[in-house]
Amino acid sequence: MKLQQLLTEARSCRICEPNLPHGCRPLIQGSAQSRIVVIGQAPGAAAHESGVPWDDRSGERLRSWLGVSDDEFYDPKLIALLPMGFCYPGTGTSGDLRPRSECAPEWHGRLLSGLKSVSLTVVTGKYAFDRYLGDEYDTLTESVGAYADLLPERIALPHPSPRNNIWLRKHPWFEREVLVALRARVRALLRAARD
């Protein structure tokens, strides 16, 4: 099955609709030309409302970390966006609920296999870490610190939520080292995509 057809099917998915207090609105992006895939958590309330992935302060910070403009970030020929849960899960007592567990097993393998031009996978946050790097590293922080070993094909990031400001203050090396390496890799890939 072609990737665009698969994306259309994934955007129509209703597998967890009975468990979503705000209904289904799968937010994913990609194309066979995507050079980078960002695997995140799940859309937040603002993204659910607008229908635009990462349309909130976390998204602003993520774009800053990657060193990309809004136009670059939302160009599926450059960047694919594949959350662990495709729809907004709703809010619990301490913030958004965890991503629904149905999406990644149902869709990720097929979608990732269709992203044939991807050269960098950005694993963002604990839920993506658990699925994609948890067998290799004990903690998300350890995997973030292992950026030199993971690059050029992969990199782990904490979730860019403002709720992680304490983590960022405790780990000044993240901005000083990890983001410098990340931005250099992203720039190289986006340059190559335009050549």
N, C-alpha and C. Protein backbone atom coordinates (compact mmCIF):
# COMPACT_ATOMS: atom_id res chain seq x y z
N MET A 1 0.85 -1.19 0.00
CA MET A 1 0.00 0.00 0.00
C MET A 1 0.89 1.24 0.00
N LYS A 2 0.51 2.21 -0.81
CA LYS A 2 1.28 3.45 -0.88
C LYS A 2 1.11 4.25 0.41
N LEU A 3 2.16 5.02 0.73
CA LEU A 3 2.17 5.78 1.97
C LEU A 3 1.01 6.75 2.06
N GLN A 4 0.70 7.46 0.99
CA GLN A 4 -0.39 8.44 1.06
C GLN A 4 -1.73 7.78 1.35
N GLN A 5 -1.94 6.61 0.77
CA GLN A 5 -3.17 5.87 1.07
C GLN A 5 -3.19 5.43 2.53
N LEU A 6 -2.04 4.99 3.02
CA LEU A 6 -1.94 4.57 4.42
C LEU A 6 -2.18 5.75 5.37
N LEU A 7 -1.63 6.91 5.04
CA LEU A 7 -1.85 8.11 5.85
C LEU A 7 -3.33 8.48 5.86
N THR A 8 -3.98 8.37 4.72
CA THR A 8 -5.41 8.66 4.65
C THR A 8 -6.19 7.71 5.55
N GLU A 9 -5.84 6.45 5.52
CA GLU A 9 -6.51 5.47 6.39
C GLU A 9 -6.24 5.78 7.86
N ALA A 10 -5.00 6.10 8.19
CA ALA A 10 -4.65 6.40 9.60
C ALA A 10 -5.40 7.64 10.09
N ARG A 11 -5.56 8.62 9.22
CA ARG A 11 -6.29 9.84 9.61
C ARG A 11 -7.78 9.58 9.79
N SER A 12 -8.24 8.47 9.27
CA SER A 12 -9.66 8.09 9.43
C SER A 12 -9.86 7.07 10.54
N CYS A 13 -8.80 6.72 11.24
CA CYS A 13 -8.87 5.68 12.27
C CYS A 13 -9.81 6.09 13.40
N ARG A 14 -10.60 5.15 13.86
CA ARG A 14 -11.54 5.38 14.97
C ARG A 14 -11.41 4.27 16.02
N ILE A 15 -10.27 3.59 16.04
CA ILE A 15 -10.10 2.41 16.88
C ILE A 15 -10.30 2.70 18.37
N CYS A 16 -9.91 3.88 18.83
CA CYS A 16 -10.03 4.18 20.26
C CYS A 16 -11.08 5.25 20.55
N GLU A 17 -11.94 5.53 19.59
CA GLU A 17 -12.94 6.58 19.76
C GLU A 17 -13.77 6.45 21.04
N PRO A 18 -14.17 5.24 21.45
CA PRO A 18 -14.96 5.14 22.68
C PRO A 18 -14.23 5.63 23.93
N ASN A 19 -12.90 5.72 23.86
CA ASN A 19 -12.09 6.12 25.01
C ASN A 19 -11.58 7.56 24.94
N LEU A 20 -12.01 8.30 23.93
CA LEU A 20 -11.54 9.67 23.75
C LEU A 20 -12.65 10.65 24.10
N PRO A 21 -12.50 11.40 25.19
CA PRO A 21 -13.57 12.29 25.62
C PRO A 21 -13.87 13.42 24.64
N HIS A 22 -12.92 13.75 23.77
CA HIS A 22 -13.11 14.85 22.81
C HIS A 22 -13.23 14.34 21.37
N GLY A 23 -13.35 13.05 21.20
CA GLY A 23 -13.50 12.48 19.88
C GLY A 23 -12.18 12.27 19.16
N CYS A 24 -12.26 11.63 18.01
CA CYS A 24 -11.08 11.33 17.20
C CYS A 24 -10.72 12.50 16.28
N ARG A 25 -9.46 12.80 16.24
CA ARG A 25 -8.91 13.74 15.26
C ARG A 25 -7.43 13.40 15.10
N PRO A 26 -7.13 12.30 14.39
CA PRO A 26 -5.73 11.88 14.25
C PRO A 26 -4.89 12.96 13.57
N LEU A 27 -3.78 13.30 14.22
CA LEU A 27 -2.90 14.35 13.70
C LEU A 27 -1.54 13.74 13.40
N ILE A 28 -1.31 13.47 12.12
CA ILE A 28 -0.04 12.91 11.66
C ILE A 28 0.33 13.61 10.36
N GLN A 29 1.62 13.51 10.02
CA GLN A 29 2.12 14.17 8.81
C GLN A 29 3.26 13.34 8.27
N GLY A 30 3.38 13.28 6.95
CA GLY A 30 4.52 12.59 6.37
C GLY A 30 4.38 12.46 4.87
N SER A 31 5.48 12.10 4.24
CA SER A 31 5.49 11.79 2.82
C SER A 31 6.67 10.85 2.57
N ALA A 32 6.67 10.24 1.40
CA ALA A 32 7.78 9.35 1.05
C ALA A 32 9.10 10.12 0.96
N GLN A 33 9.03 11.46 0.87
CA GLN A 33 10.24 12.28 0.79
C GLN A 33 10.72 12.79 2.16
N SER A 34 9.95 12.60 3.22
CA SER A 34 10.34 13.12 4.54
C SER A 34 11.75 12.68 4.90
N ARG A 35 12.57 13.62 5.34
CA ARG A 35 13.95 13.32 5.74
C ARG A 35 14.09 13.05 7.23
N ILE A 36 13.15 13.60 8.02
CA ILE A 36 13.19 13.50 9.48
C ILE A 36 11.83 13.03 9.94
N VAL A 37 11.78 12.15 10.94
CA VAL A 37 10.51 11.81 11.57
C VAL A 37 10.62 12.14 13.06
N VAL A 38 9.64 12.86 13.56
CA VAL A 38 9.55 13.18 14.98
C VAL A 38 8.48 12.27 15.57
N ILE A 39 8.88 11.42 16.49
CA ILE A 39 7.94 10.55 17.20
C ILE A 39 7.70 11.17 18.56
N GLY A 40 6.50 11.69 18.77
CA GLY A 40 6.17 12.38 20.00
C GLY A 40 5.15 11.62 20.83
N GLN A 41 4.43 12.32 21.68
CA GLN A 41 3.48 11.69 22.59
C GLN A 41 2.09 11.60 21.98
N ALA A 42 1.33 12.66 22.09
CA ALA A 42 -0.03 12.74 21.53
C ALA A 42 -0.37 14.21 21.41
N PRO A 43 -1.27 14.56 20.52
CA PRO A 43 -1.65 15.97 20.41
C PRO A 43 -2.24 16.49 21.72
N GLY A 44 -1.99 17.76 22.00
CA GLY A 44 -2.60 18.42 23.15
C GLY A 44 -3.93 19.05 22.76
N ALA A 45 -4.54 19.73 23.70
CA ALA A 45 -5.86 20.33 23.47
C ALA A 45 -5.83 21.37 22.35
N ALA A 46 -4.79 22.21 22.32
CA ALA A 46 -4.71 23.25 21.30
C ALA A 46 -4.57 22.64 19.91
N ALA A 47 -3.73 21.62 19.79
CA ALA A 47 -3.56 20.96 18.50
C ALA A 47 -4.86 20.26 18.07
N HIS A 48 -5.52 19.63 19.02
CA HIS A 48 -6.80 18.99 18.71
C HIS A 48 -7.80 20.01 18.18
N GLU A 49 -7.82 21.15 18.82
CA GLU A 49 -8.77 22.21 18.42
C GLU A 49 -8.46 22.75 17.02
N SER A 50 -7.17 23.00 16.75
CA SER A 50 -6.79 23.61 15.48
C SER A 50 -6.64 22.59 14.35
N GLY A 51 -6.39 21.33 14.71
CA GLY A 51 -6.12 20.32 13.70
C GLY A 51 -4.70 20.37 13.17
N VAL A 52 -3.81 21.09 13.87
CA VAL A 52 -2.42 21.25 13.46
C VAL A 52 -1.53 20.59 14.52
N PRO A 53 -0.72 19.58 14.15
CA PRO A 53 0.15 18.93 15.13
C PRO A 53 1.12 19.92 15.78
N TRP A 54 1.41 19.70 17.03
CA TRP A 54 2.39 20.52 17.76
C TRP A 54 2.04 22.01 17.71
N ASP A 55 0.77 22.34 17.75
CA ASP A 55 0.31 23.73 17.67
C ASP A 55 0.13 24.29 19.08
N ASP A 56 1.24 24.40 19.80
CA ASP A 56 1.20 24.88 21.18
C ASP A 56 2.62 25.29 21.60
N ARG A 57 2.78 25.61 22.88
CA ARG A 57 4.11 26.04 23.36
C ARG A 57 5.14 24.93 23.26
N SER A 58 4.71 23.69 23.45
CA SER A 58 5.65 22.57 23.28
C SER A 58 6.15 22.53 21.84
N GLY A 59 5.26 22.75 20.89
CA GLY A 59 5.66 22.76 19.49
C GLY A 59 6.61 23.90 19.16
N GLU A 60 6.35 25.06 19.75
CA GLU A 60 7.26 26.20 19.54
C GLU A 60 8.66 25.86 20.03
N ARG A 61 8.72 25.24 21.22
CA ARG A 61 10.03 24.87 21.77
C ARG A 61 10.68 23.79 20.91
N LEU A 62 9.91 22.80 20.46
CA LEU A 62 10.47 21.74 19.62
C LEU A 62 11.05 22.32 18.34
N ARG A 63 10.33 23.22 17.70
CA ARG A 63 10.85 23.84 16.47
C ARG A 63 12.14 24.61 16.75
N SER A 64 12.20 25.26 17.91
CA SER A 64 13.42 25.97 18.30
C SER A 64 14.56 24.97 18.52
N TRP A 65 14.28 23.88 19.19
CA TRP A 65 15.31 22.86 19.41
C TRP A 65 15.84 22.31 18.09
N LEU A 66 14.94 22.07 17.15
CA LEU A 66 15.35 21.55 15.84
C LEU A 66 16.04 22.61 14.98
N GLY A 67 15.77 23.89 15.29
CA GLY A 67 16.32 24.98 14.49
C GLY A 67 15.63 25.13 13.16
N VAL A 68 14.30 24.88 13.14
CA VAL A 68 13.54 24.96 11.89
C VAL A 68 12.45 26.01 12.01
N SER A 69 12.04 26.52 10.86
CA SER A 69 10.92 27.45 10.81
C SER A 69 9.62 26.67 10.84
N ASP A 70 8.52 27.39 11.05
CA ASP A 70 7.20 26.75 10.97
C ASP A 70 6.99 26.12 9.59
N ASP A 71 7.38 26.84 8.54
CA ASP A 71 7.19 26.32 7.19
C ASP A 71 7.96 25.03 6.97
N GLU A 72 9.18 24.97 7.48
CA GLU A 72 9.98 23.74 7.34
C GLU A 72 9.37 22.61 8.16
N PHE A 73 8.94 22.91 9.38
CA PHE A 73 8.41 21.89 10.27
C PHE A 73 7.14 21.27 9.71
N TYR A 74 6.31 22.08 9.09
CA TYR A 74 5.03 21.59 8.57
C TYR A 74 5.08 21.20 7.10
N ASP A 75 6.28 21.07 6.55
CA ASP A 75 6.44 20.58 5.19
C ASP A 75 6.66 19.07 5.25
N PRO A 76 5.67 18.26 4.87
CA PRO A 76 5.82 16.81 4.99
C PRO A 76 6.93 16.24 4.11
N LYS A 77 7.38 16.99 3.11
CA LYS A 77 8.51 16.52 2.31
C LYS A 77 9.81 16.62 3.09
N LEU A 78 9.79 17.38 4.18
CA LEU A 78 10.97 17.52 5.03
C LEU A 78 10.82 16.73 6.34
N ILE A 79 9.68 16.90 7.00
CA ILE A 79 9.52 16.35 8.35
C ILE A 79 8.21 15.59 8.46
N ALA A 80 8.30 14.36 8.94
CA ALA A 80 7.11 13.56 9.27
C ALA A 80 6.85 13.68 10.76
N LEU A 81 5.58 13.72 11.14
CA LEU A 81 5.18 13.84 12.54
C LEU A 81 4.31 12.64 12.88
N LEU A 82 4.81 11.80 13.78
CA LEU A 82 4.15 10.54 14.09
C LEU A 82 4.09 10.36 15.61
N PRO A 83 3.00 10.79 16.23
CA PRO A 83 2.91 10.66 17.69
C PRO A 83 2.63 9.21 18.10
N MET A 84 2.88 8.92 19.35
CA MET A 84 2.56 7.60 19.89
C MET A 84 1.05 7.39 19.90
N GLY A 85 0.30 8.41 20.22
CA GLY A 85 -1.15 8.40 20.13
C GLY A 85 -1.57 9.49 19.17
N PHE A 86 -2.38 9.17 18.18
CA PHE A 86 -2.69 10.12 17.12
C PHE A 86 -3.69 11.19 17.53
N CYS A 87 -4.47 10.95 18.58
CA CYS A 87 -5.54 11.86 18.98
C CYS A 87 -5.30 12.38 20.40
N TYR A 88 -5.88 13.52 20.68
CA TYR A 88 -5.82 14.11 22.02
C TYR A 88 -6.52 13.17 23.01
N PRO A 89 -5.80 12.72 24.05
CA PRO A 89 -6.37 11.74 24.97
C PRO A 89 -7.24 12.33 26.07
N GLY A 90 -7.25 13.66 26.21
CA GLY A 90 -7.98 14.29 27.30
C GLY A 90 -7.06 14.61 28.46
N THR A 91 -7.63 15.19 29.50
CA THR A 91 -6.85 15.67 30.64
C THR A 91 -7.18 14.88 31.89
N GLY A 92 -6.13 14.61 32.66
CA GLY A 92 -6.29 13.94 33.95
C GLY A 92 -5.98 14.89 35.08
N THR A 93 -5.68 14.35 36.23
CA THR A 93 -5.43 15.18 37.41
C THR A 93 -4.11 15.93 37.34
N SER A 94 -3.14 15.41 36.58
CA SER A 94 -1.83 16.08 36.53
C SER A 94 -1.41 16.41 35.10
N GLY A 95 -2.36 16.80 34.28
CA GLY A 95 -2.05 17.16 32.90
C GLY A 95 -2.73 16.23 31.92
N ASP A 96 -2.26 16.25 30.68
CA ASP A 96 -2.85 15.40 29.66
C ASP A 96 -2.68 13.93 30.03
N LEU A 97 -3.66 13.12 29.67
CA LEU A 97 -3.57 11.69 29.87
C LEU A 97 -2.50 11.10 28.94
N ARG A 98 -2.06 9.92 29.26
CA ARG A 98 -1.04 9.27 28.43
C ARG A 98 -1.63 8.98 27.05
N PRO A 99 -0.78 8.88 26.03
CA PRO A 99 -1.28 8.55 24.69
C PRO A 99 -2.02 7.21 24.71
N ARG A 100 -3.04 7.10 23.90
CA ARG A 100 -3.74 5.82 23.78
C ARG A 100 -2.75 4.76 23.28
N SER A 101 -2.88 3.57 23.80
CA SER A 101 -1.93 2.50 23.49
C SER A 101 -2.22 1.79 22.16
N GLU A 102 -3.34 2.08 21.53
CA GLU A 102 -3.69 1.36 20.31
C GLU A 102 -2.93 1.84 19.07
N CYS A 103 -2.59 3.11 19.01
CA CYS A 103 -2.08 3.70 17.76
C CYS A 103 -0.74 3.12 17.32
N ALA A 104 0.24 3.14 18.19
CA ALA A 104 1.58 2.71 17.77
C ALA A 104 1.60 1.27 17.26
N PRO A 105 1.02 0.31 17.99
CA PRO A 105 1.03 -1.06 17.44
C PRO A 105 0.25 -1.19 16.14
N GLU A 106 -0.82 -0.44 16.01
CA GLU A 106 -1.67 -0.54 14.82
C GLU A 106 -1.03 0.10 13.60
N TRP A 107 -0.33 1.24 13.78
CA TRP A 107 0.06 2.06 12.63
C TRP A 107 1.56 2.27 12.44
N HIS A 108 2.33 2.34 13.52
CA HIS A 108 3.72 2.80 13.39
C HIS A 108 4.55 1.97 12.42
N GLY A 109 4.50 0.66 12.53
CA GLY A 109 5.33 -0.18 11.67
C GLY A 109 5.09 0.09 10.20
N ARG A 110 3.82 0.13 9.82
CA ARG A 110 3.48 0.34 8.40
C ARG A 110 3.84 1.75 7.94
N LEU A 111 3.56 2.75 8.80
CA LEU A 111 3.88 4.12 8.40
C LEU A 111 5.39 4.34 8.33
N LEU A 112 6.12 3.86 9.30
CA LEU A 112 7.57 4.04 9.29
C LEU A 112 8.20 3.34 8.08
N SER A 113 7.69 2.19 7.70
CA SER A 113 8.25 1.50 6.54
C SER A 113 7.99 2.28 5.25
N GLY A 114 6.96 3.12 5.23
CA GLY A 114 6.67 3.94 4.06
C GLY A 114 7.47 5.23 4.00
N LEU A 115 8.08 5.59 5.12
CA LEU A 115 8.90 6.81 5.17
C LEU A 115 10.31 6.46 4.72
N LYS A 116 10.45 6.20 3.43
CA LYS A 116 11.67 5.61 2.89
C LYS A 116 12.87 6.55 2.82
N SER A 117 12.64 7.85 2.93
CA SER A 117 13.74 8.81 2.83
C SER A 117 14.22 9.32 4.18
N VAL A 118 13.64 8.82 5.27
CA VAL A 118 14.01 9.30 6.60
C VAL A 118 15.45 8.91 6.94
N SER A 119 16.22 9.92 7.36
CA SER A 119 17.60 9.70 7.78
C SER A 119 17.81 10.03 9.24
N LEU A 120 16.80 10.63 9.90
CA LEU A 120 16.90 10.97 11.32
C LEU A 120 15.56 10.74 11.99
N THR A 121 15.57 9.93 13.04
CA THR A 121 14.38 9.71 13.87
C THR A 121 14.59 10.43 15.19
N VAL A 122 13.69 11.36 15.50
CA VAL A 122 13.75 12.14 16.74
C VAL A 122 12.74 11.55 17.71
N VAL A 123 13.23 10.87 18.73
CA VAL A 123 12.40 10.21 19.73
C VAL A 123 12.17 11.21 20.86
N THR A 124 10.93 11.65 21.02
CA THR A 124 10.63 12.79 21.89
C THR A 124 9.72 12.37 23.05
N GLY A 125 10.25 12.43 24.26
CA GLY A 125 9.45 12.15 25.44
C GLY A 125 9.48 10.69 25.87
N LYS A 126 8.96 10.45 27.06
CA LYS A 126 9.06 9.14 27.70
C LYS A 126 8.32 8.04 26.96
N TYR A 127 7.15 8.31 26.44
CA TYR A 127 6.37 7.25 25.79
C TYR A 127 7.06 6.77 24.51
N ALA A 128 7.60 7.69 23.73
CA ALA A 128 8.36 7.31 22.54
C ALA A 128 9.65 6.61 22.94
N PHE A 129 10.30 7.11 23.98
CA PHE A 129 11.52 6.46 24.49
C PHE A 129 11.23 5.01 24.87
N ASP A 130 10.16 4.80 25.63
CA ASP A 130 9.84 3.44 26.08
C ASP A 130 9.72 2.47 24.91
N ARG A 131 9.09 2.91 23.85
CA ARG A 131 8.88 2.02 22.70
C ARG A 131 10.13 1.86 21.83
N TYR A 132 10.87 2.95 21.62
CA TYR A 132 11.93 2.93 20.62
C TYR A 132 13.35 2.87 21.17
N LEU A 133 13.55 3.21 22.42
CA LEU A 133 14.92 3.18 22.97
C LEU A 133 14.99 2.50 24.34
N GLY A 134 13.87 2.13 24.90
CA GLY A 134 13.84 1.55 26.23
C GLY A 134 14.60 0.25 26.38
N ASP A 135 14.82 -0.48 25.29
CA ASP A 135 15.60 -1.71 25.35
C ASP A 135 17.10 -1.44 25.36
N GLU A 136 17.48 -0.21 25.01
CA GLU A 136 18.90 0.11 24.91
C GLU A 136 19.41 0.96 26.08
N TYR A 137 18.51 1.73 26.69
CA TYR A 137 18.92 2.65 27.76
C TYR A 137 17.96 2.50 28.94
N ASP A 138 18.49 2.73 30.12
CA ASP A 138 17.67 2.59 31.33
C ASP A 138 16.69 3.73 31.51
N THR A 139 17.09 4.94 31.12
CA THR A 139 16.24 6.11 31.32
C THR A 139 16.27 7.01 30.09
N LEU A 140 15.26 7.85 29.99
CA LEU A 140 15.23 8.83 28.91
C LEU A 140 16.44 9.75 29.01
N THR A 141 16.76 10.20 30.21
CA THR A 141 17.91 11.10 30.39
C THR A 141 19.20 10.45 29.88
N GLU A 142 19.37 9.16 30.17
CA GLU A 142 20.56 8.46 29.68
C GLU A 142 20.59 8.44 28.16
N SER A 143 19.46 8.22 27.53
CA SER A 143 19.43 8.18 26.07
C SER A 143 19.66 9.56 25.46
N VAL A 144 19.16 10.61 26.12
CA VAL A 144 19.41 11.98 25.64
C VAL A 144 20.91 12.26 25.70
N GLY A 145 21.56 11.84 26.79
CA GLY A 145 22.99 12.05 26.93
C GLY A 145 23.83 11.23 25.96
N ALA A 146 23.25 10.19 25.38
CA ALA A 146 23.97 9.33 24.44
C ALA A 146 23.83 9.81 23.00
N TYR A 147 23.55 11.09 22.83
CA TYR A 147 23.30 11.63 21.49
C TYR A 147 24.41 11.32 20.50
N ALA A 148 25.66 11.36 20.95
CA ALA A 148 26.79 11.13 20.04
C ALA A 148 26.79 9.68 19.53
N ASP A 149 26.31 8.76 20.35
CA ASP A 149 26.22 7.36 19.92
C ASP A 149 25.03 7.12 19.01
N LEU A 150 23.94 7.84 19.24
CA LEU A 150 22.72 7.65 18.46
C LEU A 150 22.79 8.32 17.09
N LEU A 151 23.39 9.50 17.04
CA LEU A 151 23.49 10.20 15.77
C LEU A 151 24.45 9.47 14.85
N PRO A 152 24.25 9.51 13.54
CA PRO A 152 23.43 10.46 12.79
C PRO A 152 21.99 10.00 12.52
N GLU A 153 21.65 8.75 12.89
CA GLU A 153 20.33 8.22 12.50
C GLU A 153 19.23 8.47 13.51
N ARG A 154 19.58 8.60 14.79
CA ARG A 154 18.57 8.76 15.84
C ARG A 154 19.05 9.77 16.87
N ILE A 155 18.07 10.30 17.61
CA ILE A 155 18.39 11.16 18.76
C ILE A 155 17.18 11.14 19.68
N ALA A 156 17.43 11.22 20.98
CA ALA A 156 16.36 11.26 21.97
C ALA A 156 16.30 12.65 22.58
N LEU A 157 15.07 13.13 22.81
CA LEU A 157 14.86 14.43 23.44
C LEU A 157 13.85 14.27 24.58
N PRO A 158 13.98 15.09 25.61
CA PRO A 158 12.88 15.14 26.58
C PRO A 158 11.67 15.77 25.90
N HIS A 159 10.51 15.60 26.48
CA HIS A 159 9.36 16.28 25.89
C HIS A 159 9.57 17.79 26.04
N PRO A 160 9.26 18.58 25.00
CA PRO A 160 9.52 20.02 25.06
C PRO A 160 8.49 20.82 25.85
N SER A 161 7.67 20.17 26.62
CA SER A 161 6.65 20.84 27.42
C SER A 161 7.29 21.81 28.42
N PRO A 162 6.64 22.94 28.67
CA PRO A 162 7.12 23.83 29.74
C PRO A 162 7.19 23.12 31.10
N ARG A 163 6.47 22.03 31.24
CA ARG A 163 6.53 21.26 32.49
C ARG A 163 7.90 20.64 32.73
N ASN A 164 8.74 20.61 31.68
CA ASN A 164 10.07 20.03 31.81
C ASN A 164 11.16 21.07 32.05
N ASN A 165 10.78 22.28 32.42
CA ASN A 165 11.79 23.32 32.67
C ASN A 165 12.76 22.94 33.78
N ILE A 166 12.28 22.23 34.78
CA ILE A 166 13.17 21.80 35.88
C ILE A 166 14.23 20.85 35.33
N TRP A 167 13.81 19.89 34.50
CA TRP A 167 14.76 18.96 33.89
C TRP A 167 15.81 19.73 33.09
N LEU A 168 15.36 20.70 32.32
CA LEU A 168 16.29 21.47 31.49
C LEU A 168 17.29 22.24 32.34
N ARG A 169 16.83 22.79 33.47
CA ARG A 169 17.76 23.51 34.37
C ARG A 169 18.77 22.56 35.00
N LYS A 170 18.35 21.35 35.28
CA LYS A 170 19.25 20.37 35.92
C LYS A 170 20.27 19.78 34.94
N HIS A 171 20.02 19.92 33.65
CA HIS A 171 20.88 19.31 32.64
C HIS A 171 21.32 20.35 31.61
N PRO A 172 22.19 21.30 32.03
CA PRO A 172 22.60 22.38 31.11
C PRO A 172 23.34 21.86 29.88
N TRP A 173 23.92 20.68 29.97
CA TRP A 173 24.61 20.09 28.82
C TRP A 173 23.65 19.84 27.65
N PHE A 174 22.36 19.71 27.93
CA PHE A 174 21.40 19.45 26.86
C PHE A 174 21.43 20.57 25.82
N GLU A 175 21.34 21.80 26.28
CA GLU A 175 21.35 22.93 25.35
C GLU A 175 22.74 23.15 24.77
N ARG A 176 23.74 22.99 25.59
CA ARG A 176 25.12 23.28 25.19
C ARG A 176 25.66 22.25 24.19
N GLU A 177 25.24 20.98 24.33
CA GLU A 177 25.81 19.92 23.50
C GLU A 177 24.79 19.26 22.57
N VAL A 178 23.71 18.78 23.16
CA VAL A 178 22.75 17.99 22.38
C VAL A 178 22.09 18.84 21.30
N LEU A 179 21.61 20.03 21.68
CA LEU A 179 20.92 20.86 20.69
C LEU A 179 21.84 21.34 19.58
N VAL A 180 23.10 21.57 19.91
CA VAL A 180 24.05 21.98 18.87
C VAL A 180 24.22 20.85 17.85
N ALA A 181 24.38 19.62 18.34
CA ALA A 181 24.53 18.47 17.44
C ALA A 181 23.24 18.22 16.66
N LEU A 182 22.10 18.33 17.33
CA LEU A 182 20.81 18.12 16.67
C LEU A 182 20.61 19.11 15.54
N ARG A 183 20.81 20.39 15.82
CA ARG A 183 20.58 21.41 14.80
C ARG A 183 21.51 21.25 13.60
N ALA A 184 22.76 20.85 13.86
CA ALA A 184 23.70 20.63 12.75
C ALA A 184 23.22 19.49 11.87
N ARG A 185 22.73 18.42 12.48
CA ARG A 185 22.23 17.28 11.70
C ARG A 185 20.97 17.65 10.91
N VAL A 186 20.06 18.36 11.54
CA VAL A 186 18.83 18.78 10.87
C VAL A 186 19.15 19.69 9.69
N ARG A 187 20.03 20.66 9.90
CA ARG A 187 20.40 21.59 8.81
C ARG A 187 20.97 20.82 7.63
N ALA A 188 21.85 19.85 7.92
CA ALA A 188 22.47 19.08 6.84
C ALA A 188 21.41 18.32 6.04
N LEU A 189 20.44 17.73 6.74
CA LEU A 189 19.41 16.97 6.05
C LEU A 189 18.49 17.87 5.24
N LEU A 190 18.13 19.02 5.78
CA LEU A 190 17.24 19.91 5.05
C LEU A 190 17.96 20.52 3.84
N ARG A 191 19.25 20.77 3.99
CA ARG A 191 20.04 21.26 2.85
C ARG A 191 20.07 20.22 1.74
N ALA A 192 20.30 18.97 2.13
CA ALA A 192 20.35 17.88 1.15
C ALA A 192 19.00 17.69 0.45
N ALA A 193 17.92 17.92 1.20
CA ALA A 193 16.59 17.77 0.61
C ALA A 193 16.32 18.81 -0.46
N ARG A 194 16.97 19.93 -0.36
CA ARG A 194 16.73 21.02 -1.32
C ARG A 194 17.69 20.96 -2.52
N ASP A 195 18.74 20.18 -2.39
CA ASP A 195 19.74 20.09 -3.50
C ASP A 195 19.24 19.18 -4.61
